[in-house]
Amino acid sequence: MVSALLIYLYSKGDARTWNQQYVPYTEQYIEDQYRYVDENGRRFLSRSLSASGLQGGGYDYEWKGVKRSWRCPRSTMERYEAEDRLTYTGKGLVRYKQYLEEMPGLPVQSIWDNFPKIHHLAHERVAYPTQKPEALLERIIKTSSSEGDLLLDCFCGSGTTAAVAKKLNRHWVAADLSRFAIHTTRKRLLSLPGVKCQGRSKTRPLGRSKSRPVQYGRRLGIVGEEGVWSGGLRRLQGGAFRPERKTSSSPRRVRRSG
C-alpha cells in the first residue's frame, strides 16, 4: 500500500504564475539517449531533420545531394552547418546535434518521489514535528511564484516556507498560533546570512470572529541585506469562544445554616 499527499494549486483567475521545473536526467537515460560524443568530448542526441510524416509538412529542397522535405528552411540549415550542429549518417542523411549540456532535464511529473525525510543530522533540521524538507518547498515556490512576489503562510510551523522564500528572493508573511512555532521560525530566519530583526510591535487587536471573539497578535519584522524589508512574522492569540450559560427561570435557593 502506497501512502501519498496531494498538493493542490489554486488560482483566482487565468493570470497565474507557472514556472516549469525540471529534474536531472538519470545516468541510464543519458547512456541510452545521449550516446554520441563529438571531438571535444561533448555528449549529444542525434535528432532527425526529416519532415517525412510531419503534420503540416516541411520545406522541400536539396541538401548535400539529398532532396526531400526538411523540418527547417534552407537558411536555418545553413546556420546549423556554420555552427557545426549537423552530423551525417552513412547514407548521407543529415541530422541535428542536440547537446546534453544545453538541456534543462526532464520536466517534473505529477508524482514527486525524490524528497526523502529530513535526516537527524541534516543542517536544516530544527526538531519541529511537522517540518518539511526545504527542497520540497523550493520546488513549490519556484513553480508558483517569481522573484519579488509576496508569499503567505498561515501555519508557518518550523518556518520552512519563510526561510526558503528568503533564500529565493521572495517576500513573505508568516503566522501561527503556537509560541513554539514563532520562536522556531524566528530563530531559523535570524540564522540566515544578512538577516536581522527589525523590531517588535505592541500587542494589538486584529479583529473579531464567531469562534474567537477577540484576536491579538505580535508582529516581528525581518529585514535582509541593506535594510530591505523581507517579511513579517506574526503570532496570533485569542481566547476560545465560550457560549453563554443558560439561566433557570425558577428562583435560586439559598441554604442557610443554624
Protein backbone atom coordinates (compact mmCIF):
# COMPACT_ATOMS: atom_id res chain seq x y z
CA MET A 1 0.00 0.00 0.00
CA VAL A 2 1.39 3.39 -1.02
CA SER A 3 0.69 6.50 1.05
CA ALA A 4 0.76 9.86 -0.70
CA LEU A 5 -0.02 13.52 -0.03
CA LEU A 6 -1.80 15.68 -2.60
CA ILE A 7 -0.73 19.24 -3.38
CA TYR A 8 -3.42 21.47 -4.89
CA LEU A 9 -2.82 24.59 -6.96
CA TYR A 10 -5.50 27.28 -6.73
CA SER A 11 -5.70 30.42 -8.82
CA LYS A 12 -8.08 33.37 -8.61
CA GLY A 13 -8.01 33.84 -12.38
CA ASP A 14 -6.29 32.79 -15.56
CA ALA A 15 -3.35 35.13 -14.95
CA ARG A 16 -1.38 32.78 -12.72
CA THR A 17 2.31 32.03 -12.39
CA TRP A 18 3.54 28.64 -13.55
CA ASN A 19 7.25 28.04 -13.96
CA GLN A 20 8.02 24.59 -15.36
CA GLN A 21 10.53 22.73 -13.19
CA TYR A 22 12.95 20.01 -14.28
CA VAL A 23 14.83 17.12 -12.72
CA PRO A 24 18.27 15.91 -13.88
CA TYR A 25 18.49 13.07 -16.35
CA THR A 26 19.34 9.67 -14.93
CA GLU A 27 22.63 8.05 -15.88
CA GLN A 28 20.77 5.32 -17.74
CA TYR A 29 18.79 7.89 -19.74
CA ILE A 30 21.98 9.70 -20.71
CA GLU A 31 23.65 6.48 -21.79
CA ASP A 32 20.66 5.50 -23.92
CA GLN A 33 19.75 8.84 -25.48
CA TYR A 34 22.94 10.91 -25.49
CA ARG A 35 25.28 8.14 -26.58
CA TYR A 36 27.21 10.15 -29.18
CA VAL A 37 30.30 12.17 -28.31
CA ASP A 38 31.94 14.78 -30.55
CA GLU A 39 35.64 15.52 -30.91
CA ASN A 40 35.50 17.87 -27.90
CA GLY A 41 34.01 15.23 -25.60
CA ARG A 42 30.51 16.77 -25.59
CA ARG A 43 27.61 14.32 -25.47
CA PHE A 44 24.76 14.86 -27.90
CA LEU A 45 21.49 13.36 -29.11
CA SER A 46 21.19 12.85 -32.87
CA ARG A 47 17.81 14.23 -33.99
CA SER A 48 16.24 13.72 -37.38
CA LEU A 49 15.70 16.80 -39.56
CA SER A 50 13.41 15.00 -42.00
CA ALA A 51 9.82 16.26 -42.17
CA SER A 52 8.52 12.97 -43.54
CA GLY A 53 5.20 12.19 -41.85
CA LEU A 54 5.21 15.54 -40.03
CA GLN A 55 1.74 17.06 -39.75
CA GLY A 56 1.67 20.31 -41.71
CA GLY A 57 4.55 19.30 -43.96
CA GLY A 58 8.02 20.82 -44.19
CA TYR A 59 10.40 22.61 -46.57
CA ASP A 60 11.23 20.94 -49.89
CA TYR A 61 14.77 21.48 -51.19
CA GLU A 62 18.02 19.63 -51.89
CA TRP A 63 20.76 19.48 -49.27
CA LYS A 64 24.14 17.86 -49.90
CA GLY A 65 22.71 15.86 -52.83
CA VAL A 66 19.64 14.66 -50.89
CA LYS A 67 16.32 16.10 -51.99
CA ARG A 68 13.40 15.74 -49.59
CA SER A 69 11.14 17.61 -47.17
CA TRP A 70 13.07 19.06 -44.19
CA ARG A 71 11.93 20.37 -40.80
CA CYS A 72 13.66 23.73 -41.22
CA PRO A 73 14.20 26.17 -44.12
CA ARG A 74 17.47 26.31 -46.04
CA SER A 75 18.64 29.41 -44.15
CA THR A 76 18.34 27.59 -40.83
CA MET A 77 20.12 24.53 -42.25
CA GLU A 78 22.99 26.75 -43.38
CA ARG A 79 23.21 28.30 -39.92
CA TYR A 80 23.33 24.86 -38.32
CA GLU A 81 26.19 23.91 -40.63
CA ALA A 82 28.11 27.08 -39.76
CA GLU A 83 27.65 26.32 -36.04
CA ASP A 84 28.83 22.70 -36.53
CA ARG A 85 25.46 21.38 -35.38
CA LEU A 86 25.00 18.87 -38.19
CA THR A 87 26.05 15.25 -38.38
CA TYR A 88 25.61 12.80 -41.28
CA THR A 89 24.69 9.15 -41.42
CA GLY A 90 26.38 6.57 -43.64
CA LYS A 91 23.69 7.15 -46.28
CA GLY A 92 24.34 10.90 -46.30
CA LEU A 93 21.24 11.88 -44.36
CA VAL A 94 21.71 14.97 -42.21
CA ARG A 95 20.80 15.04 -38.51
CA TYR A 96 20.92 17.69 -35.77
CA LYS A 97 23.23 17.61 -32.72
CA GLN A 98 21.31 18.30 -29.51
CA TYR A 99 23.94 18.69 -26.80
CA LEU A 100 23.29 17.34 -23.32
CA GLU A 101 24.70 20.43 -21.60
CA GLU A 102 22.08 22.64 -23.27
CA MET A 103 19.07 20.73 -21.95
CA PRO A 104 17.38 21.61 -18.62
CA GLY A 105 16.46 18.00 -17.83
CA LEU A 106 13.20 16.07 -17.67
CA PRO A 107 10.02 18.05 -16.89
CA VAL A 108 8.72 17.35 -13.39
CA GLN A 109 5.82 14.91 -13.44
CA SER A 110 2.77 14.71 -11.15
CA ILE A 111 4.38 12.19 -8.77
CA TRP A 112 7.18 13.62 -6.60
CA ASP A 113 9.14 10.80 -5.02
CA ASN A 114 12.60 12.38 -4.76
CA PHE A 115 12.21 14.13 -1.40
CA PRO A 116 13.45 11.88 1.42
CA LYS A 117 12.77 12.55 5.08
CA ILE A 118 14.99 15.05 6.85
CA HIS A 119 17.99 13.23 8.30
CA HIS A 120 18.52 13.65 12.02
CA LEU A 121 21.97 15.13 11.31
CA ALA A 122 20.82 17.43 8.50
CA HIS A 123 21.79 21.09 8.81
CA GLU A 124 18.22 22.25 8.09
CA ARG A 125 16.67 20.14 10.86
CA VAL A 126 15.13 22.22 13.66
CA ALA A 127 13.43 19.37 15.59
CA TYR A 128 9.90 20.54 14.77
CA PRO A 129 7.33 17.70 14.47
CA THR A 130 5.83 18.69 11.10
CA GLN A 131 8.95 20.13 9.45
CA LYS A 132 9.06 19.69 5.65
CA PRO A 133 12.24 19.41 3.54
CA GLU A 134 13.49 22.69 2.10
CA ALA A 135 13.84 21.06 -1.32
CA LEU A 136 10.09 20.36 -1.38
CA LEU A 137 9.15 23.96 -0.57
CA GLU A 138 11.77 25.21 -3.01
CA ARG A 139 10.07 23.35 -5.86
CA ILE A 140 6.61 24.60 -4.87
CA ILE A 141 7.77 28.21 -4.51
CA LYS A 142 9.76 28.22 -7.74
CA THR A 143 6.82 26.69 -9.64
CA SER A 144 4.13 29.07 -8.42
CA SER A 145 5.93 32.40 -7.89
CA SER A 146 8.64 34.69 -9.23
CA GLU A 147 11.34 36.76 -7.55
CA GLY A 148 9.88 39.71 -5.65
CA ASP A 149 6.46 38.07 -5.13
CA LEU A 150 4.79 38.01 -1.72
CA LEU A 151 4.08 34.62 -0.10
CA LEU A 152 1.68 33.97 2.79
CA ASP A 153 1.99 31.03 5.18
CA CYS A 154 -0.83 30.99 7.76
CA PHE A 155 0.56 27.94 9.58
CA CYS A 156 4.29 28.59 9.45
CA GLY A 157 5.27 25.81 11.89
CA SER A 158 9.02 25.32 11.59
CA GLY A 159 9.40 28.29 9.22
CA THR A 160 10.47 26.33 6.15
CA THR A 161 8.33 28.40 3.76
CA ALA A 162 9.63 31.72 5.06
CA ALA A 163 13.26 30.53 5.12
CA VAL A 164 13.13 29.18 1.57
CA ALA A 165 11.26 32.27 0.36
CA LYS A 166 14.03 34.47 1.77
CA LYS A 167 16.70 32.39 0.03
CA LEU A 168 14.79 32.61 -3.28
CA ASN A 169 14.38 36.42 -3.09
CA ARG A 170 10.66 36.37 -2.30
CA HIS A 171 8.87 38.47 0.30
CA TRP A 172 6.85 36.59 2.86
CA VAL A 173 4.32 36.87 5.68
CA ALA A 174 4.16 34.05 8.23
CA ALA A 175 1.74 33.49 11.10
CA ASP A 176 0.95 30.85 13.68
CA LEU A 177 -0.89 30.43 16.99
CA SER A 178 1.92 28.46 18.58
CA ARG A 179 4.61 30.25 20.57
CA PHE A 180 6.98 27.40 19.81
CA ALA A 181 6.36 27.76 16.06
CA ILE A 182 7.06 31.50 16.16
CA HIS A 183 10.17 31.01 18.28
CA THR A 184 11.44 28.28 15.93
CA THR A 185 10.73 30.34 12.81
CA ARG A 186 12.31 33.48 14.25
CA LYS A 187 15.45 31.65 15.31
CA ARG A 188 15.69 29.94 11.94
CA LEU A 189 15.31 33.16 9.96
CA LEU A 190 17.84 35.07 12.02
CA SER A 191 20.39 32.32 11.35
CA LEU A 192 20.32 33.14 7.63
CA PRO A 193 23.11 35.35 6.24
CA GLY A 194 22.27 39.04 6.05
CA VAL A 195 19.03 38.79 8.06
CA LYS A 196 18.31 40.80 11.18
CA CYS A 197 15.34 41.69 13.36
CA GLN A 198 13.61 44.99 12.61
CA GLY A 199 11.66 45.20 15.83
CA ARG A 200 8.56 44.02 17.63
CA SER A 201 5.26 45.85 17.76
CA LYS A 202 2.95 46.03 20.74
CA THR A 203 0.12 43.60 21.11
CA ARG A 204 -3.00 44.95 19.42
CA PRO A 205 -6.44 43.65 18.38
CA LEU A 206 -6.53 42.05 14.93
CA GLY A 207 -10.28 41.51 14.57
CA ARG A 208 -13.25 39.53 15.74
CA SER A 209 -14.83 36.28 14.63
CA LYS A 210 -17.55 33.99 15.91
CA SER A 211 -15.14 31.32 17.10
CA ARG A 212 -12.61 33.81 18.51
CA PRO A 213 -14.28 37.00 19.78
CA VAL A 214 -11.02 38.94 20.03
CA GLN A 215 -7.68 38.07 18.45
CA TYR A 216 -4.38 39.66 19.28
CA GLY A 217 -1.02 39.37 17.61
CA ARG A 218 2.59 40.39 17.89
CA ARG A 219 4.41 41.33 14.71
CA LEU A 220 8.09 40.80 14.13
CA GLY A 221 9.66 42.45 11.11
CA ILE A 222 12.57 40.83 9.33
CA VAL A 223 14.89 42.78 7.08
CA GLY A 224 17.58 41.46 4.77
CA GLU A 225 20.72 42.99 3.37
CA GLU A 226 20.86 46.81 3.20
CA GLY A 227 17.73 47.04 5.35
CA VAL A 228 15.32 45.90 2.63
CA TRP A 229 12.06 44.53 4.07
CA SER A 230 11.96 40.79 3.64
CA GLY A 231 8.93 39.61 5.55
CA GLY A 232 6.76 39.75 8.63
CA LEU A 233 6.23 37.20 11.37
CA ARG A 234 3.08 37.27 13.47
CA ARG A 235 1.85 35.21 16.41
CA LEU A 236 -1.92 35.09 16.71
CA GLN A 237 -3.53 34.56 20.07
CA GLY A 238 -7.11 34.59 21.27
CA GLY A 239 -9.44 33.10 23.80
CA ALA A 240 -11.69 30.23 22.85
CA PHE A 241 -15.36 31.04 22.29
CA ARG A 242 -17.49 30.23 25.30
CA PRO A 243 -21.29 30.10 24.89
CA GLU A 244 -23.39 31.88 27.48
CA ARG A 245 -24.78 29.74 30.28
CA LYS A 246 -28.50 29.11 30.34
CA THR A 247 -30.21 30.62 33.36
CA SER A 248 -33.12 28.97 35.12
CA SER A 249 -36.41 30.83 35.44
CA SER A 250 -37.02 29.43 38.94
CA PRO A 251 -35.61 31.38 41.91
CA ARG A 252 -32.32 30.18 43.30
CA ARG A 253 -32.48 28.54 46.69
CA VAL A 254 -30.11 29.78 49.34
CA ARG A 255 -29.12 27.34 52.04
CA ARG A 256 -28.72 28.80 55.47
CA SER A 257 -27.15 27.22 58.50
CA GLY A 258 -28.37 27.38 62.02
